[in-house]
Amino acid sequence: MNALLQSLSHLGPHERLQLVEDLWDSIDEDSVPVMTDAIYQELQQRSSWVDANPNTGKTLEQIAAALGVRL
């Protein structure tokens, strides 16, 4: 565990969740990258592929199980 996380380990679950929320809220909306046309087109192509091939992907649960993690 890195030093910053170790220094926060004394916080309870609710305090840590509040810290996460505060950090999230501190991100300036203007600093988030804008979706470009190229990114939008890529997302559209991937969405179309999934629609055309409905049973070829894996669910999030299957991926998590393969990685040995719990959701």
PDB file of N, CA and C in Angstrom:
ATOM      1  N   MET A   1       0.863  -1.169   0.000  1.00  0.00           N
ATOM      2  CA  MET A   1       0.000   0.000   0.000  1.00  0.00           C
ATOM      3  C   MET A   1       0.911   1.234   0.000  1.00  0.00           C
ATOM      4  N   ASN A   2       0.624   2.183  -0.870  1.00  0.00           N
ATOM      5  CA  ASN A   2       1.516   3.347  -0.895  1.00  0.00           C
ATOM      6  C   ASN A   2       1.276   4.253   0.321  1.00  0.00           C
ATOM      7  N   ALA A   3       2.170   5.175   0.520  1.00  0.00           N
ATOM      8  CA  ALA A   3       2.157   6.009   1.729  1.00  0.00           C
ATOM      9  C   ALA A   3       0.873   6.809   1.874  1.00  0.00           C
ATOM     10  N   LEU A   4       0.362   7.344   0.774  1.00  0.00           N
ATOM     11  CA  LEU A   4      -0.869   8.137   0.861  1.00  0.00           C
ATOM     12  C   LEU A   4      -2.030   7.274   1.324  1.00  0.00           C
ATOM     13  N   LEU A   5      -2.178   6.102   0.722  1.00  0.00           N
ATOM     14  CA  LEU A   5      -3.267   5.216   1.139  1.00  0.00           C
ATOM     15  C   LEU A   5      -3.079   4.754   2.573  1.00  0.00           C
ATOM     16  N   GLN A   6      -1.857   4.502   2.948  1.00  0.00           N
ATOM     17  CA  GLN A   6      -1.588   4.084   4.325  1.00  0.00           C
ATOM     18  C   GLN A   6      -1.974   5.180   5.311  1.00  0.00           C
ATOM     19  N   SER A   7      -1.720   6.429   4.918  1.00  0.00           N
ATOM     20  CA  SER A   7      -2.061   7.527   5.822  1.00  0.00           C
ATOM     21  C   SER A   7      -3.571   7.719   5.950  1.00  0.00           C
ATOM     22  N   LEU A   8      -4.326   7.176   5.013  1.00  0.00           N
ATOM     23  CA  LEU A   8      -5.789   7.292   5.061  1.00  0.00           C
ATOM     24  C   LEU A   8      -6.453   6.040   5.628  1.00  0.00           C
ATOM     25  N   SER A   9      -5.668   5.042   5.952  1.00  0.00           N
ATOM     26  CA  SER A   9      -6.224   3.758   6.393  1.00  0.00           C
ATOM     27  C   SER A   9      -7.011   3.865   7.701  1.00  0.00           C
ATOM     28  N   HIS A  10      -6.793   4.914   8.459  1.00  0.00           N
ATOM     29  CA  HIS A  10      -7.525   5.073   9.713  1.00  0.00           C
ATOM     30  C   HIS A  10      -8.973   5.522   9.492  1.00  0.00           C
ATOM     31  N   LEU A  11      -9.275   5.998   8.286  1.00  0.00           N
ATOM     32  CA  LEU A  11     -10.629   6.457   7.988  1.00  0.00           C
ATOM     33  C   LEU A  11     -11.576   5.267   7.879  1.00  0.00           C
ATOM     34  N   GLY A  12     -12.800   5.488   8.342  1.00  0.00           N
ATOM     35  CA  GLY A  12     -13.814   4.454   8.211  1.00  0.00           C
ATOM     36  C   GLY A  12     -14.363   4.418   6.792  1.00  0.00           C
ATOM     37  N   PRO A  13     -15.181   3.418   6.481  1.00  0.00           N
ATOM     38  CA  PRO A  13     -15.724   3.272   5.129  1.00  0.00           C
ATOM     39  C   PRO A  13     -16.496   4.503   4.656  1.00  0.00           C
ATOM     40  N   HIS A  14     -17.307   5.070   5.519  1.00  0.00           N
ATOM     41  CA  HIS A  14     -18.102   6.240   5.116  1.00  0.00           C
ATOM     42  C   HIS A  14     -17.211   7.452   4.842  1.00  0.00           C
ATOM     43  N   GLU A  15     -16.179   7.604   5.652  1.00  0.00           N
ATOM     44  CA  GLU A  15     -15.254   8.727   5.440  1.00  0.00           C
ATOM     45  C   GLU A  15     -14.465   8.549   4.145  1.00  0.00           C
ATOM     46  N   ARG A  16     -14.081   7.312   3.847  1.00  0.00           N
ATOM     47  CA  ARG A  16     -13.349   7.064   2.599  1.00  0.00           C
ATOM     48  C   ARG A  16     -14.242   7.301   1.384  1.00  0.00           C
ATOM     49  N   LEU A  17     -15.501   6.880   1.494  1.00  0.00           N
ATOM     50  CA  LEU A  17     -16.433   7.142   0.392  1.00  0.00           C
ATOM     51  C   LEU A  17     -16.663   8.638   0.202  1.00  0.00           C
ATOM     52  N   GLN A  18     -16.725   9.370   1.302  1.00  0.00           N
ATOM     53  CA  GLN A  18     -16.880  10.825   1.203  1.00  0.00           C
ATOM     54  C   GLN A  18     -15.660  11.436   0.531  1.00  0.00           C
ATOM     55  N   LEU A  19     -14.476  10.935   0.861  1.00  0.00           N
ATOM     56  CA  LEU A  19     -13.250  11.413   0.237  1.00  0.00           C
ATOM     57  C   LEU A  19     -13.266  11.156  -1.264  1.00  0.00           C
ATOM     58  N   VAL A  20     -13.714   9.976  -1.666  1.00  0.00           N
ATOM     59  CA  VAL A  20     -13.817   9.659  -3.095  1.00  0.00           C
ATOM     60  C   VAL A  20     -14.783  10.624  -3.775  1.00  0.00           C
ATOM     61  N   GLU A  21     -15.920  10.867  -3.138  1.00  0.00           N
ATOM     62  CA  GLU A  21     -16.897  11.789  -3.705  1.00  0.00           C
ATOM     63  C   GLU A  21     -16.321  13.196  -3.821  1.00  0.00           C
ATOM     64  N   ASP A  22     -15.612  13.627  -2.791  1.00  0.00           N
ATOM     65  CA  ASP A  22     -15.005  14.955  -2.819  1.00  0.00           C
ATOM     66  C   ASP A  22     -13.951  15.061  -3.923  1.00  0.00           C
ATOM     67  N   LEU A  23     -13.153  14.006  -4.077  1.00  0.00           N
ATOM     68  CA  LEU A  23     -12.158  13.999  -5.162  1.00  0.00           C
ATOM     69  C   LEU A  23     -12.835  14.059  -6.524  1.00  0.00           C
ATOM     70  N   TRP A  24     -13.893  13.258  -6.685  1.00  0.00           N
ATOM     71  CA  TRP A  24     -14.621  13.245  -7.959  1.00  0.00           C
ATOM     72  C   TRP A  24     -15.186  14.637  -8.265  1.00  0.00           C
ATOM     73  N   ASP A  25     -15.772  15.253  -7.260  1.00  0.00           N
ATOM     74  CA  ASP A  25     -16.364  16.580  -7.445  1.00  0.00           C
ATOM     75  C   ASP A  25     -15.311  17.645  -7.731  1.00  0.00           C
ATOM     76  N   SER A  26     -14.064  17.377  -7.324  1.00  0.00           N
ATOM     77  CA  SER A  26     -13.012  18.372  -7.532  1.00  0.00           C
ATOM     78  C   SER A  26     -12.490  18.399  -8.964  1.00  0.00           C
ATOM     79  N   ILE A  27     -12.854  17.403  -9.760  1.00  0.00           N
ATOM     80  CA  ILE A  27     -12.400  17.377 -11.154  1.00  0.00           C
ATOM     81  C   ILE A  27     -13.183  18.429 -11.926  1.00  0.00           C
ATOM     82  N   ASP A  28     -12.458  19.353 -12.489  1.00  0.00           N
ATOM     83  CA  ASP A  28     -13.077  20.431 -13.243  1.00  0.00           C
ATOM     84  C   ASP A  28     -13.664  19.866 -14.537  1.00  0.00           C
ATOM     85  N   GLU A  29     -14.926  20.160 -14.774  1.00  0.00           N
ATOM     86  CA  GLU A  29     -15.604  19.651 -15.966  1.00  0.00           C
ATOM     87  C   GLU A  29     -14.874  20.051 -17.245  1.00  0.00           C
ATOM     88  N   ASP A  30     -14.239  21.210 -17.227  1.00  0.00           N
ATOM     89  CA  ASP A  30     -13.525  21.669 -18.414  1.00  0.00           C
ATOM     90  C   ASP A  30     -12.247  20.879 -18.681  1.00  0.00           C
ATOM     91  N   SER A  31     -11.746  20.149 -17.663  1.00  0.00           N
ATOM     92  CA  SER A  31     -10.513  19.387 -17.858  1.00  0.00           C
ATOM     93  C   SER A  31     -10.765  17.997 -18.429  1.00  0.00           C
ATOM     94  N   VAL A  32     -12.029  17.594 -18.491  1.00  0.00           N
ATOM     95  CA  VAL A  32     -12.369  16.292 -19.055  1.00  0.00           C
ATOM     96  C   VAL A  32     -12.251  16.386 -20.580  1.00  0.00           C
ATOM     97  N   PRO A  33     -11.564  15.423 -21.199  1.00  0.00           N
ATOM     98  CA  PRO A  33     -11.396  15.487 -22.657  1.00  0.00           C
ATOM     99  C   PRO A  33     -12.737  15.475 -23.391  1.00  0.00           C
ATOM    100  N   VAL A  34     -12.776  16.228 -24.456  1.00  0.00           N
ATOM    101  CA  VAL A  34     -13.976  16.301 -25.283  1.00  0.00           C
ATOM    102  C   VAL A  34     -14.027  15.078 -26.188  1.00  0.00           C
ATOM    103  N   MET A  35     -15.224  14.537 -26.406  1.00  0.00           N
ATOM    104  CA  MET A  35     -15.362  13.420 -27.316  1.00  0.00           C
ATOM    105  C   MET A  35     -15.224  13.931 -28.747  1.00  0.00           C
ATOM    106  N   THR A  36     -14.228  13.426 -29.430  1.00  0.00           N
ATOM    107  CA  THR A  36     -13.993  13.837 -30.807  1.00  0.00           C
ATOM    108  C   THR A  36     -14.888  13.035 -31.742  1.00  0.00           C
ATOM    109  N   ASP A  37     -14.980  13.481 -32.977  1.00  0.00           N
ATOM    110  CA  ASP A  37     -15.750  12.743 -33.982  1.00  0.00           C
ATOM    111  C   ASP A  37     -15.173  11.348 -34.182  1.00  0.00           C
ATOM    112  N   ALA A  38     -13.835  11.243 -34.144  1.00  0.00           N
ATOM    113  CA  ALA A  38     -13.188   9.940 -34.334  1.00  0.00           C
ATOM    114  C   ALA A  38     -13.570   8.966 -33.215  1.00  0.00           C
ATOM    115  N   ILE A  39     -13.579   9.449 -31.988  1.00  0.00           N
ATOM    116  CA  ILE A  39     -13.960   8.594 -30.860  1.00  0.00           C
ATOM    117  C   ILE A  39     -15.430   8.207 -30.984  1.00  0.00           C
ATOM    118  N   TYR A  40     -16.260   9.160 -31.324  1.00  0.00           N
ATOM    119  CA  TYR A  40     -17.692   8.879 -31.476  1.00  0.00           C
ATOM    120  C   TYR A  40     -17.918   7.826 -32.558  1.00  0.00           C
ATOM    121  N   GLN A  41     -17.227   7.965 -33.679  1.00  0.00           N
ATOM    122  CA  GLN A  41     -17.372   6.999 -34.778  1.00  0.00           C
ATOM    123  C   GLN A  41     -16.922   5.601 -34.330  1.00  0.00           C
ATOM    124  N   GLU A  42     -15.824   5.537 -33.593  1.00  0.00           N
ATOM    125  CA  GLU A  42     -15.331   4.245 -33.086  1.00  0.00           C
ATOM    126  C   GLU A  42     -16.357   3.607 -32.158  1.00  0.00           C
ATOM    127  N   LEU A  43     -16.947   4.398 -31.282  1.00  0.00           N
ATOM    128  CA  LEU A  43     -17.969   3.875 -30.381  1.00  0.00           C
ATOM    129  C   LEU A  43     -19.191   3.384 -31.153  1.00  0.00           C
ATOM    130  N   GLN A  44     -19.564   4.115 -32.183  1.00  0.00           N
ATOM    131  CA  GLN A  44     -20.687   3.704 -33.026  1.00  0.00           C
ATOM    132  C   GLN A  44     -20.391   2.379 -33.719  1.00  0.00           C
ATOM    133  N   GLN A  45     -19.171   2.230 -34.254  1.00  0.00           N
ATOM    134  CA  GLN A  45     -18.791   0.990 -34.940  1.00  0.00           C
ATOM    135  C   GLN A  45     -18.797  -0.189 -33.970  1.00  0.00           C
ATOM    136  N   ARG A  46     -18.272   0.030 -32.786  1.00  0.00           N
ATOM    137  CA  ARG A  46     -18.244  -1.053 -31.804  1.00  0.00           C
ATOM    138  C   ARG A  46     -19.645  -1.433 -31.355  1.00  0.00           C
ATOM    139  N   SER A  47     -20.495  -0.439 -31.196  1.00  0.00           N
ATOM    140  CA  SER A  47     -21.879  -0.702 -30.815  1.00  0.00           C
ATOM    141  C   SER A  47     -22.597  -1.487 -31.903  1.00  0.00           C
ATOM    142  N   SER A  48     -22.378  -1.107 -33.150  1.00  0.00           N
ATOM    143  CA  SER A  48     -22.989  -1.825 -34.273  1.00  0.00           C
ATOM    144  C   SER A  48     -22.495  -3.261 -34.334  1.00  0.00           C
ATOM    145  N   TRP A  49     -21.184  -3.458 -34.084  1.00  0.00           N
ATOM    146  CA  TRP A  49     -20.628  -4.804 -34.103  1.00  0.00           C
ATOM    147  C   TRP A  49     -21.274  -5.669 -33.027  1.00  0.00           C
ATOM    148  N   VAL A  50     -21.434  -5.119 -31.836  1.00  0.00           N
ATOM    149  CA  VAL A  50     -22.062  -5.871 -30.743  1.00  0.00           C
ATOM    150  C   VAL A  50     -23.497  -6.225 -31.104  1.00  0.00           C
ATOM    151  N   ASP A  51     -24.215  -5.288 -31.696  1.00  0.00           N
ATOM    152  CA  ASP A  51     -25.602  -5.556 -32.102  1.00  0.00           C
ATOM    153  C   ASP A  51     -25.667  -6.662 -33.144  1.00  0.00           C
ATOM    154  N   ALA A  52     -24.700  -6.703 -34.059  1.00  0.00           N
ATOM    155  CA  ALA A  52     -24.685  -7.701 -35.134  1.00  0.00           C
ATOM    156  C   ALA A  52     -24.158  -9.055 -34.651  1.00  0.00           C
ATOM    157  N   ASN A  53     -23.448  -9.082 -33.541  1.00  0.00           N
ATOM    158  CA  ASN A  53     -22.843 -10.307 -33.015  1.00  0.00           C
ATOM    159  C   ASN A  53     -23.176 -10.454 -31.532  1.00  0.00           C
ATOM    160  N   PRO A  54     -24.453 -10.668 -31.214  1.00  0.00           N
ATOM    161  CA  PRO A  54     -24.892 -10.582 -29.816  1.00  0.00           C
ATOM    162  C   PRO A  54     -24.315 -11.624 -28.862  1.00  0.00           C
ATOM    163  N   ASN A  55     -23.889 -12.771 -29.350  1.00  0.00           N
ATOM    164  CA  ASN A  55     -23.448 -13.824 -28.424  1.00  0.00           C
ATOM    165  C   ASN A  55     -21.950 -14.094 -28.487  1.00  0.00           C
ATOM    166  N   THR A  56     -21.173 -13.143 -28.991  1.00  0.00           N
ATOM    167  CA  THR A  56     -19.746 -13.386 -29.136  1.00  0.00           C
ATOM    168  C   THR A  56     -18.913 -12.747 -28.032  1.00  0.00           C
ATOM    169  N   GLY A  57     -19.469 -11.850 -27.292  1.00  0.00           N
ATOM    170  CA  GLY A  57     -18.716 -11.187 -26.228  1.00  0.00           C
ATOM    171  C   GLY A  57     -18.884 -11.901 -24.906  1.00  0.00           C
ATOM    172  N   LYS A  58     -18.293 -11.344 -23.873  1.00  0.00           N
ATOM    173  CA  LYS A  58     -18.408 -11.883 -22.521  1.00  0.00           C
ATOM    174  C   LYS A  58     -19.075 -10.838 -21.643  1.00  0.00           C
ATOM    175  N   THR A  59     -19.798 -11.313 -20.665  1.00  0.00           N
ATOM    176  CA  THR A  59     -20.416 -10.396 -19.710  1.00  0.00           C
ATOM    177  C   THR A  59     -19.357  -9.909 -18.732  1.00  0.00           C
ATOM    178  N   LEU A  60     -19.664  -8.844 -18.035  1.00  0.00           N
ATOM    179  CA  LEU A  60     -18.769  -8.325 -17.019  1.00  0.00           C
ATOM    180  C   LEU A  60     -18.529  -9.380 -15.943  1.00  0.00           C
ATOM    181  N   GLU A  61     -19.546 -10.138 -15.608  1.00  0.00           N
ATOM    182  CA  GLU A  61     -19.413 -11.187 -14.603  1.00  0.00           C
ATOM    183  C   GLU A  61     -18.453 -12.273 -15.067  1.00  0.00           C
ATOM    184  N   GLN A  62     -18.504 -12.646 -16.365  1.00  0.00           N
ATOM    185  CA  GLN A  62     -17.594 -13.655 -16.893  1.00  0.00           C
ATOM    186  C   GLN A  62     -16.144 -13.162 -16.867  1.00  0.00           C
ATOM    187  N   ILE A  63     -15.955 -11.923 -17.229  1.00  0.00           N
ATOM    188  CA  ILE A  63     -14.598 -11.344 -17.215  1.00  0.00           C
ATOM    189  C   ILE A  63     -14.072 -11.310 -15.786  1.00  0.00           C
ATOM    190  N   ALA A  64     -14.907 -10.870 -14.850  1.00  0.00           N
ATOM    191  CA  ALA A  64     -14.481 -10.801 -13.447  1.00  0.00           C
ATOM    192  C   ALA A  64     -14.131 -12.195 -12.934  1.00  0.00           C
ATOM    193  N   ALA A  65     -14.935 -13.188 -13.258  1.00  0.00           N
ATOM    194  CA  ALA A  65     -14.662 -14.554 -12.810  1.00  0.00           C
ATOM    195  C   ALA A  65     -13.346 -15.067 -13.392  1.00  0.00           C
ATOM    196  N   ALA A  66     -13.090 -14.753 -14.653  1.00  0.00           N
ATOM    197  CA  ALA A  66     -11.834 -15.185 -15.286  1.00  0.00           C
ATOM    198  C   ALA A  66     -10.639 -14.521 -14.627  1.00  0.00           C
ATOM    199  N   LEU A  67     -10.824 -13.305 -14.132  1.00  0.00           N
ATOM    200  CA  LEU A  67      -9.749 -12.581 -13.459  1.00  0.00           C
ATOM    201  C   LEU A  67      -9.653 -12.923 -11.975  1.00  0.00           C
ATOM    202  N   GLY A  68     -10.662 -13.651 -11.494  1.00  0.00           N
ATOM    203  CA  GLY A  68     -10.663 -14.029 -10.080  1.00  0.00           C
ATOM    204  C   GLY A  68     -11.025 -12.895  -9.150  1.00  0.00           C
ATOM    205  N   VAL A  69     -11.859 -11.967  -9.628  1.00  0.00           N
ATOM    206  CA  VAL A  69     -12.280 -10.841  -8.793  1.00  0.00           C
ATOM    207  C   VAL A  69     -13.783 -10.884  -8.572  1.00  0.00           C
ATOM    208  N   ARG A  70     -14.207 -10.265  -7.505  1.00  0.00           N
ATOM    209  CA  ARG A  70     -15.638 -10.154  -7.201  1.00  0.00           C
ATOM    210  C   ARG A  70     -16.131  -8.783  -7.583  1.00  0.00           C
ATOM    211  N   LEU A  71     -17.324  -8.723  -8.072  1.00  0.00           N
ATOM    212  CA  LEU A  71     -17.936  -7.425  -8.383  1.00  0.00           C
ATOM    213  C   LEU A  71     -18.780  -6.955  -7.227  1.00  0.00           C
TER     214      LEU A  71
END
